[in-house]
């Protein structure tokens, strides 16, 4: 199956910490960004990014109007404690937005370039105002302080799947949920086991019809 991810750790079915659930209001491939071999949460949901730890799981759902279906789930395999560290890691250079390339590359989430004075420059991106920075979005993103990274994920995107009855407790309105019982976490692990960890399965919900660069960007160069 295209996009099949290797299991990075043999214990991928274990919840060693918290489980977070939230609503993916705008599923565009930007946040989360599931391309080039990693699912990353670098912008949006600052409260989750400030507190989540390696081993925790994050689940993104569609809005209530779309049935609270599962957009993606990911185990946090790595955390970058600053946007500067994310920017300087060569593995994520392909997640810097490129507007002279494909749609998949335009929605890159590695949008904060560190400056010599310790501040950041916001690149042209989903969160900028064209070529100009968007101060409100910038402050919101940088308020999260950290970037969450996963190689252990399944992203359903536009083919979001139904949430099973045993996981209806994951449904959330605004903000996020992160307080679940051991039984609720166990039900989630059963769900992950049934789905499998398979990487990207479909294009984001908001995507140009007929464009297949989402598939080419699973682990390839996609125009670099």
C-alpha atoms as a PDB file:
ATOM      1  CA  UNK A   1       0.000   0.000   0.000  1.00  0.00           C
ATOM      2  CA  UNK A   2       1.392   3.376  -0.965  1.00  0.00           C
ATOM      3  CA  UNK A   3       2.487   5.365   2.041  1.00  0.00           C
ATOM      4  CA  UNK A   4       2.908   2.355   4.312  1.00  0.00           C
ATOM      5  CA  UNK A   5       5.038   3.425   7.258  1.00  0.00           C
ATOM      6  CA  UNK A   6       7.545   1.189   8.962  1.00  0.00           C
ATOM      7  CA  UNK A   7       6.983   0.733  12.684  1.00  0.00           C
ATOM      8  CA  UNK A   8       9.694   2.769  14.333  1.00  0.00           C
ATOM      9  CA  UNK A   9       9.366   0.979  17.656  1.00  0.00           C
ATOM     10  CA  UNK A  10       8.032  -2.433  18.543  1.00  0.00           C
ATOM     11  CA  UNK A  11       5.918  -0.958  21.355  1.00  0.00           C
ATOM     12  CA  UNK A  12       3.869   1.330  19.098  1.00  0.00           C
ATOM     13  CA  UNK A  13       0.666  -0.062  20.591  1.00  0.00           C
ATOM     14  CA  UNK A  14       1.481   1.147  24.094  1.00  0.00           C
ATOM     15  CA  UNK A  15       0.101   4.376  25.570  1.00  0.00           C
ATOM     16  CA  UNK A  16       2.857   5.376  27.954  1.00  0.00           C
ATOM     17  CA  UNK A  17       1.440   8.809  28.692  1.00  0.00           C
ATOM     18  CA  UNK A  18      -1.429  11.026  27.706  1.00  0.00           C
ATOM     19  CA  UNK A  19      -3.929  10.837  24.895  1.00  0.00           C
ATOM     20  CA  UNK A  20      -4.993  14.132  23.310  1.00  0.00           C
ATOM     21  CA  UNK A  21      -8.027  14.724  21.102  1.00  0.00           C
ATOM     22  CA  UNK A  22      -9.029  17.884  19.258  1.00  0.00           C
ATOM     23  CA  UNK A  23     -10.885  19.109  16.178  1.00  0.00           C
ATOM     24  CA  UNK A  24      -8.964  19.709  12.941  1.00  0.00           C
ATOM     25  CA  UNK A  25     -10.964  22.719  11.786  1.00  0.00           C
ATOM     26  CA  UNK A  26      -9.039  23.197   8.551  1.00  0.00           C
ATOM     27  CA  UNK A  27      -7.564  20.001   7.096  1.00  0.00           C
ATOM     28  CA  UNK A  28      -5.307  21.439   4.376  1.00  0.00           C
ATOM     29  CA  UNK A  29      -2.075  19.476   4.858  1.00  0.00           C
ATOM     30  CA  UNK A  30      -0.572  22.320   6.905  1.00  0.00           C
ATOM     31  CA  UNK A  31      -1.543  21.402  10.468  1.00  0.00           C
ATOM     32  CA  UNK A  32      -1.010  18.550  10.827  1.00  0.00           C
ATOM     33  CA  UNK A  33       1.508  18.221   8.017  1.00  0.00           C
ATOM     34  CA  UNK A  34       1.766  14.494   7.150  1.00  0.00           C
ATOM     35  CA  UNK A  35       4.231  14.731   4.272  1.00  0.00           C
ATOM     36  CA  UNK A  36       7.816  13.566   3.595  1.00  0.00           C
ATOM     37  CA  UNK A  37       7.807  10.659   6.026  1.00  0.00           C
ATOM     38  CA  UNK A  38       6.786  12.544   9.155  1.00  0.00           C
ATOM     39  CA  UNK A  39       3.523  13.792  10.604  1.00  0.00           C
ATOM     40  CA  UNK A  40       4.301  17.080  12.326  1.00  0.00           C
ATOM     41  CA  UNK A  41       2.327  19.481  14.470  1.00  0.00           C
ATOM     42  CA  UNK A  42       4.260  22.749  14.355  1.00  0.00           C
ATOM     43  CA  UNK A  43       1.485  25.331  14.187  1.00  0.00           C
ATOM     44  CA  UNK A  44      -1.995  25.559  15.750  1.00  0.00           C
ATOM     45  CA  UNK A  45      -2.915  23.824  19.061  1.00  0.00           C
ATOM     46  CA  UNK A  46      -0.252  25.577  21.156  1.00  0.00           C
ATOM     47  CA  UNK A  47      -1.579  24.142  24.429  1.00  0.00           C
ATOM     48  CA  UNK A  48      -1.048  20.585  23.186  1.00  0.00           C
ATOM     49  CA  UNK A  49       2.412  21.407  21.850  1.00  0.00           C
ATOM     50  CA  UNK A  50       3.502  22.965  25.138  1.00  0.00           C
ATOM     51  CA  UNK A  51       2.584  19.934  27.246  1.00  0.00           C
ATOM     52  CA  UNK A  52       2.742  16.779  25.087  1.00  0.00           C
ATOM     53  CA  UNK A  53       5.636  14.376  25.591  1.00  0.00           C
ATOM     54  CA  UNK A  54       7.289  11.544  23.694  1.00  0.00           C
ATOM     55  CA  UNK A  55       5.046   8.490  23.897  1.00  0.00           C
ATOM     56  CA  UNK A  56       1.797  10.453  24.040  1.00  0.00           C
ATOM     57  CA  UNK A  57      -0.806  10.085  21.284  1.00  0.00           C
ATOM     58  CA  UNK A  58      -2.712  12.813  19.435  1.00  0.00           C
ATOM     59  CA  UNK A  59      -6.021  12.269  17.612  1.00  0.00           C
ATOM     60  CA  UNK A  60      -7.526  14.856  15.262  1.00  0.00           C
ATOM     61  CA  UNK A  61     -11.262  14.755  14.487  1.00  0.00           C
ATOM     62  CA  UNK A  62     -13.453  16.447  11.907  1.00  0.00           C
ATOM     63  CA  UNK A  63     -15.897  19.103  13.186  1.00  0.00           C
ATOM     64  CA  UNK A  64     -19.303  18.010  14.475  1.00  0.00           C
ATOM     65  CA  UNK A  65     -20.872  19.131  11.176  1.00  0.00           C
ATOM     66  CA  UNK A  66     -18.728  16.516   9.440  1.00  0.00           C
ATOM     67  CA  UNK A  67     -19.515  13.752  11.902  1.00  0.00           C
ATOM     68  CA  UNK A  68     -16.555  13.895  14.314  1.00  0.00           C
ATOM     69  CA  UNK A  69     -14.665  11.437  12.134  1.00  0.00           C
ATOM     70  CA  UNK A  70     -10.995  10.572  12.580  1.00  0.00           C
ATOM     71  CA  UNK A  71      -8.700  12.712  10.409  1.00  0.00           C
ATOM     72  CA  UNK A  72      -5.484  11.272  11.833  1.00  0.00           C
ATOM     73  CA  UNK A  73      -3.758   9.829  14.852  1.00  0.00           C
ATOM     74  CA  UNK A  74      -0.072   9.943  15.698  1.00  0.00           C
ATOM     75  CA  UNK A  75       2.226   8.827  18.448  1.00  0.00           C
ATOM     76  CA  UNK A  76       4.721  11.486  19.449  1.00  0.00           C
ATOM     77  CA  UNK A  77       8.111   9.993  18.680  1.00  0.00           C
ATOM     78  CA  UNK A  78      10.155  13.179  19.025  1.00  0.00           C
ATOM     79  CA  UNK A  79       9.764  16.728  20.314  1.00  0.00           C
ATOM     80  CA  UNK A  80      11.692  19.774  19.146  1.00  0.00           C
ATOM     81  CA  UNK A  81      11.869  22.196  22.054  1.00  0.00           C
ATOM     82  CA  UNK A  82      12.207  25.223  19.782  1.00  0.00           C
ATOM     83  CA  UNK A  83      11.302  26.307  16.275  1.00  0.00           C
ATOM     84  CA  UNK A  84      14.991  27.004  15.720  1.00  0.00           C
ATOM     85  CA  UNK A  85      15.790  23.336  16.330  1.00  0.00           C
ATOM     86  CA  UNK A  86      13.046  22.318  13.908  1.00  0.00           C
ATOM     87  CA  UNK A  87      14.331  24.740  11.280  1.00  0.00           C
ATOM     88  CA  UNK A  88      17.943  23.574  11.536  1.00  0.00           C
ATOM     89  CA  UNK A  89      17.195  19.847  11.351  1.00  0.00           C
ATOM     90  CA  UNK A  90      17.954  18.815   7.772  1.00  0.00           C
ATOM     91  CA  UNK A  91      15.276  16.120   7.879  1.00  0.00           C
ATOM     92  CA  UNK A  92      12.608  18.813   7.867  1.00  0.00           C
ATOM     93  CA  UNK A  93      14.012  21.144   5.224  1.00  0.00           C
ATOM     94  CA  UNK A  94      11.404  19.742   2.825  1.00  0.00           C
ATOM     95  CA  UNK A  95       8.698  21.035   5.147  1.00  0.00           C
ATOM     96  CA  UNK A  96       9.727  24.642   4.508  1.00  0.00           C
ATOM     97  CA  UNK A  97       7.007  26.054   2.222  1.00  0.00           C
ATOM     98  CA  UNK A  98       7.898  26.499  -1.450  1.00  0.00           C
ATOM     99  CA  UNK A  99       5.520  28.481  -3.646  1.00  0.00           C
ATOM    100  CA  UNK A 100       7.469  27.728  -6.818  1.00  0.00           C
ATOM    101  CA  UNK A 101       6.814  24.009  -6.460  1.00  0.00           C
ATOM    102  CA  UNK A 102       3.799  21.745  -5.840  1.00  0.00           C
ATOM    103  CA  UNK A 103       0.709  22.203  -3.707  1.00  0.00           C
ATOM    104  CA  UNK A 104       2.131  19.743  -1.196  1.00  0.00           C
ATOM    105  CA  UNK A 105       5.194  21.924  -0.785  1.00  0.00           C
ATOM    106  CA  UNK A 106       3.187  25.124  -0.400  1.00  0.00           C
ATOM    107  CA  UNK A 107       1.602  23.798   2.778  1.00  0.00           C
ATOM    108  CA  UNK A 108       4.891  23.214   4.588  1.00  0.00           C
ATOM    109  CA  UNK A 109       4.749  23.924   8.336  1.00  0.00           C
ATOM    110  CA  UNK A 110       8.443  24.720   8.927  1.00  0.00           C
ATOM    111  CA  UNK A 111       7.685  28.426   8.600  1.00  0.00           C
ATOM    112  CA  UNK A 112       9.703  30.114  11.340  1.00  0.00           C
ATOM    113  CA  UNK A 113      13.279  30.998  10.406  1.00  0.00           C
ATOM    114  CA  UNK A 114      15.439  31.911  13.429  1.00  0.00           C
ATOM    115  CA  UNK A 115      17.118  35.336  13.362  1.00  0.00           C
ATOM    116  CA  UNK A 116      20.369  36.356  15.001  1.00  0.00           C
ATOM    117  CA  UNK A 117      18.554  38.365  17.682  1.00  0.00           C
ATOM    118  CA  UNK A 118      16.632  35.315  18.907  1.00  0.00           C
ATOM    119  CA  UNK A 119      13.358  36.194  17.173  1.00  0.00           C
ATOM    120  CA  UNK A 120      11.820  34.524  14.125  1.00  0.00           C
ATOM    121  CA  UNK A 121      10.879  35.479  10.601  1.00  0.00           C
ATOM    122  CA  UNK A 122       7.573  34.058   9.433  1.00  0.00           C
ATOM    123  CA  UNK A 123       7.850  32.703   5.887  1.00  0.00           C
ATOM    124  CA  UNK A 124       5.165  33.069   3.277  1.00  0.00           C
ATOM    125  CA  UNK A 125       2.849  30.252   4.242  1.00  0.00           C
ATOM    126  CA  UNK A 126      -0.644  29.174   5.150  1.00  0.00           C
ATOM    127  CA  UNK A 127      -0.407  31.415   8.227  1.00  0.00           C
ATOM    128  CA  UNK A 128       1.085  34.543   6.633  1.00  0.00           C
ATOM    129  CA  UNK A 129      -0.677  37.399   4.848  1.00  0.00           C
ATOM    130  CA  UNK A 130       0.834  36.640   1.483  1.00  0.00           C
ATOM    131  CA  UNK A 131       4.444  37.890   1.578  1.00  0.00           C
ATOM    132  CA  UNK A 132       3.800  39.791   4.794  1.00  0.00           C
ATOM    133  CA  UNK A 133       3.891  38.308   8.256  1.00  0.00           C
ATOM    134  CA  UNK A 134       0.654  37.775  10.153  1.00  0.00           C
ATOM    135  CA  UNK A 135       1.447  38.948  13.708  1.00  0.00           C
ATOM    136  CA  UNK A 136      -1.615  37.302  15.259  1.00  0.00           C
ATOM    137  CA  UNK A 137      -0.963  33.886  13.750  1.00  0.00           C
ATOM    138  CA  UNK A 138       2.754  34.228  14.477  1.00  0.00           C
ATOM    139  CA  UNK A 139       2.182  34.923  18.170  1.00  0.00           C
ATOM    140  CA  UNK A 140      -0.305  32.037  18.380  1.00  0.00           C
ATOM    141  CA  UNK A 141       2.068  29.557  16.736  1.00  0.00           C
ATOM    142  CA  UNK A 142       5.172  30.608  18.647  1.00  0.00           C
ATOM    143  CA  UNK A 143       3.184  30.443  21.877  1.00  0.00           C
ATOM    144  CA  UNK A 144       3.240  26.664  21.518  1.00  0.00           C
ATOM    145  CA  UNK A 145       7.043  26.809  21.800  1.00  0.00           C
ATOM    146  CA  UNK A 146       7.565  23.223  20.600  1.00  0.00           C
ATOM    147  CA  UNK A 147       7.085  21.009  17.533  1.00  0.00           C
ATOM    148  CA  UNK A 148       5.663  17.482  17.773  1.00  0.00           C
ATOM    149  CA  UNK A 149       7.030  14.848  15.372  1.00  0.00           C
ATOM    150  CA  UNK A 150       5.820  11.354  14.502  1.00  0.00           C
ATOM    151  CA  UNK A 151       6.806   8.495  12.253  1.00  0.00           C
ATOM    152  CA  UNK A 152       4.096   6.344  13.850  1.00  0.00           C
ATOM    153  CA  UNK A 153       0.858   7.672  12.403  1.00  0.00           C
ATOM    154  CA  UNK A 154      -2.085   7.153  10.106  1.00  0.00           C
ATOM    155  CA  UNK A 155      -3.518  10.148   8.259  1.00  0.00           C
ATOM    156  CA  UNK A 156      -6.928   9.584   6.654  1.00  0.00           C
ATOM    157  CA  UNK A 157      -7.479  13.169   5.472  1.00  0.00           C
ATOM    158  CA  UNK A 158     -10.401  13.451   3.073  1.00  0.00           C
ATOM    159  CA  UNK A 159     -11.254   9.801   3.760  1.00  0.00           C
ATOM    160  CA  UNK A 160     -11.672  10.358   7.491  1.00  0.00           C
ATOM    161  CA  UNK A 161     -13.113   7.276   9.171  1.00  0.00           C
ATOM    162  CA  UNK A 162     -15.948   6.892  11.626  1.00  0.00           C
ATOM    163  CA  UNK A 163     -15.166   7.046  15.307  1.00  0.00           C
ATOM    164  CA  UNK A 164     -16.211   3.720  16.899  1.00  0.00           C
ATOM    165  CA  UNK A 165     -18.782   3.785  19.724  1.00  0.00           C
ATOM    166  CA  UNK A 166     -16.103   2.881  22.290  1.00  0.00           C
ATOM    167  CA  UNK A 167     -14.274   6.129  21.476  1.00  0.00           C
ATOM    168  CA  UNK A 168     -17.148   8.623  21.490  1.00  0.00           C
ATOM    169  CA  UNK A 169     -15.571  10.089  24.626  1.00  0.00           C
ATOM    170  CA  UNK A 170     -12.846  11.545  22.370  1.00  0.00           C
ATOM    171  CA  UNK A 171     -15.326  14.002  20.889  1.00  0.00           C
ATOM    172  CA  UNK A 172     -14.461  17.558  21.869  1.00  0.00           C
ATOM    173  CA  UNK A 173     -15.780  20.991  20.995  1.00  0.00           C
ATOM    174  CA  UNK A 174     -13.241  23.745  21.438  1.00  0.00           C
ATOM    175  CA  UNK A 175      -9.708  23.373  22.790  1.00  0.00           C
ATOM    176  CA  UNK A 176      -8.773  19.730  23.459  1.00  0.00           C
ATOM    177  CA  UNK A 177      -9.237  16.764  25.793  1.00  0.00           C
ATOM    178  CA  UNK A 178      -6.399  14.946  27.521  1.00  0.00           C
ATOM    179  CA  UNK A 179      -7.898  13.319  30.622  1.00  0.00           C
ATOM    180  CA  UNK A 180      -8.944   9.760  29.854  1.00  0.00           C
ATOM    181  CA  UNK A 181      -9.300   6.642  31.979  1.00  0.00           C
ATOM    182  CA  UNK A 182      -7.099   3.564  31.507  1.00  0.00           C
ATOM    183  CA  UNK A 183     -10.081   1.802  29.893  1.00  0.00           C
ATOM    184  CA  UNK A 184     -10.588   4.657  27.455  1.00  0.00           C
ATOM    185  CA  UNK A 185      -6.894   4.574  26.540  1.00  0.00           C
ATOM    186  CA  UNK A 186      -7.090   0.802  26.104  1.00  0.00           C
ATOM    187  CA  UNK A 187     -10.048   1.230  23.750  1.00  0.00           C
ATOM    188  CA  UNK A 188      -7.979   3.696  21.748  1.00  0.00           C
ATOM    189  CA  UNK A 189      -5.089   1.238  21.472  1.00  0.00           C
ATOM    190  CA  UNK A 190      -7.505  -1.415  20.225  1.00  0.00           C
ATOM    191  CA  UNK A 191      -8.624   1.076  17.582  1.00  0.00           C
ATOM    192  CA  UNK A 192      -5.026   1.804  16.515  1.00  0.00           C
ATOM    193  CA  UNK A 193      -4.297  -1.920  16.317  1.00  0.00           C
ATOM    194  CA  UNK A 194      -7.351  -2.483  14.132  1.00  0.00           C
ATOM    195  CA  UNK A 195      -6.428   0.397  11.802  1.00  0.00           C
ATOM    196  CA  UNK A 196      -2.719  -0.275  11.648  1.00  0.00           C
ATOM    197  CA  UNK A 197      -0.003   2.373  11.393  1.00  0.00           C
ATOM    198  CA  UNK A 198      -0.086   3.118   7.673  1.00  0.00           C
ATOM    199  CA  UNK A 199       1.046   6.692   7.045  1.00  0.00           C
ATOM    200  CA  UNK A 200      -0.842   8.854   4.565  1.00  0.00           C
ATOM    201  CA  UNK A 201      -3.955   7.255   3.099  1.00  0.00           C
ATOM    202  CA  UNK A 202      -5.603  10.116   1.207  1.00  0.00           C
ATOM    203  CA  UNK A 203      -5.324  13.775   0.257  1.00  0.00           C
ATOM    204  CA  UNK A 204      -6.250  16.427   2.825  1.00  0.00           C
ATOM    205  CA  UNK A 205      -9.923  17.401   2.939  1.00  0.00           C
ATOM    206  CA  UNK A 206      -9.161  20.810   1.378  1.00  0.00           C
ATOM    207  CA  UNK A 207      -7.174  19.981  -1.756  1.00  0.00           C
ATOM    208  CA  UNK A 208      -7.305  20.704  -5.483  1.00  0.00           C
ATOM    209  CA  UNK A 209      -9.275  18.091  -7.378  1.00  0.00           C
ATOM    210  CA  UNK A 210      -7.071  15.887  -9.534  1.00  0.00           C
ATOM    211  CA  UNK A 211      -3.819  16.984  -7.877  1.00  0.00           C
ATOM    212  CA  UNK A 212      -1.754  13.985  -6.754  1.00  0.00           C
ATOM    213  CA  UNK A 213       1.259  15.726  -5.240  1.00  0.00           C
ATOM    214  CA  UNK A 214       0.054  14.623  -1.802  1.00  0.00           C
ATOM    215  CA  UNK A 215       0.873  11.041  -2.831  1.00  0.00           C
ATOM    216  CA  UNK A 216       4.247  11.979  -4.330  1.00  0.00           C
ATOM    217  CA  UNK A 217       5.157  13.790  -1.112  1.00  0.00           C
ATOM    218  CA  UNK A 218       4.845  10.775   1.154  1.00  0.00           C
ATOM    219  CA  UNK A 219       8.584  10.253   1.385  1.00  0.00           C
ATOM    220  CA  UNK A 220       9.918  11.490  -1.955  1.00  0.00           C
ATOM    221  CA  UNK A 221      11.432  14.794  -2.954  1.00  0.00           C
ATOM    222  CA  UNK A 222       8.273  16.196  -4.587  1.00  0.00           C
ATOM    223  CA  UNK A 223      10.107  18.795  -6.629  1.00  0.00           C
ATOM    224  CA  UNK A 224      13.220  19.575  -4.603  1.00  0.00           C
END
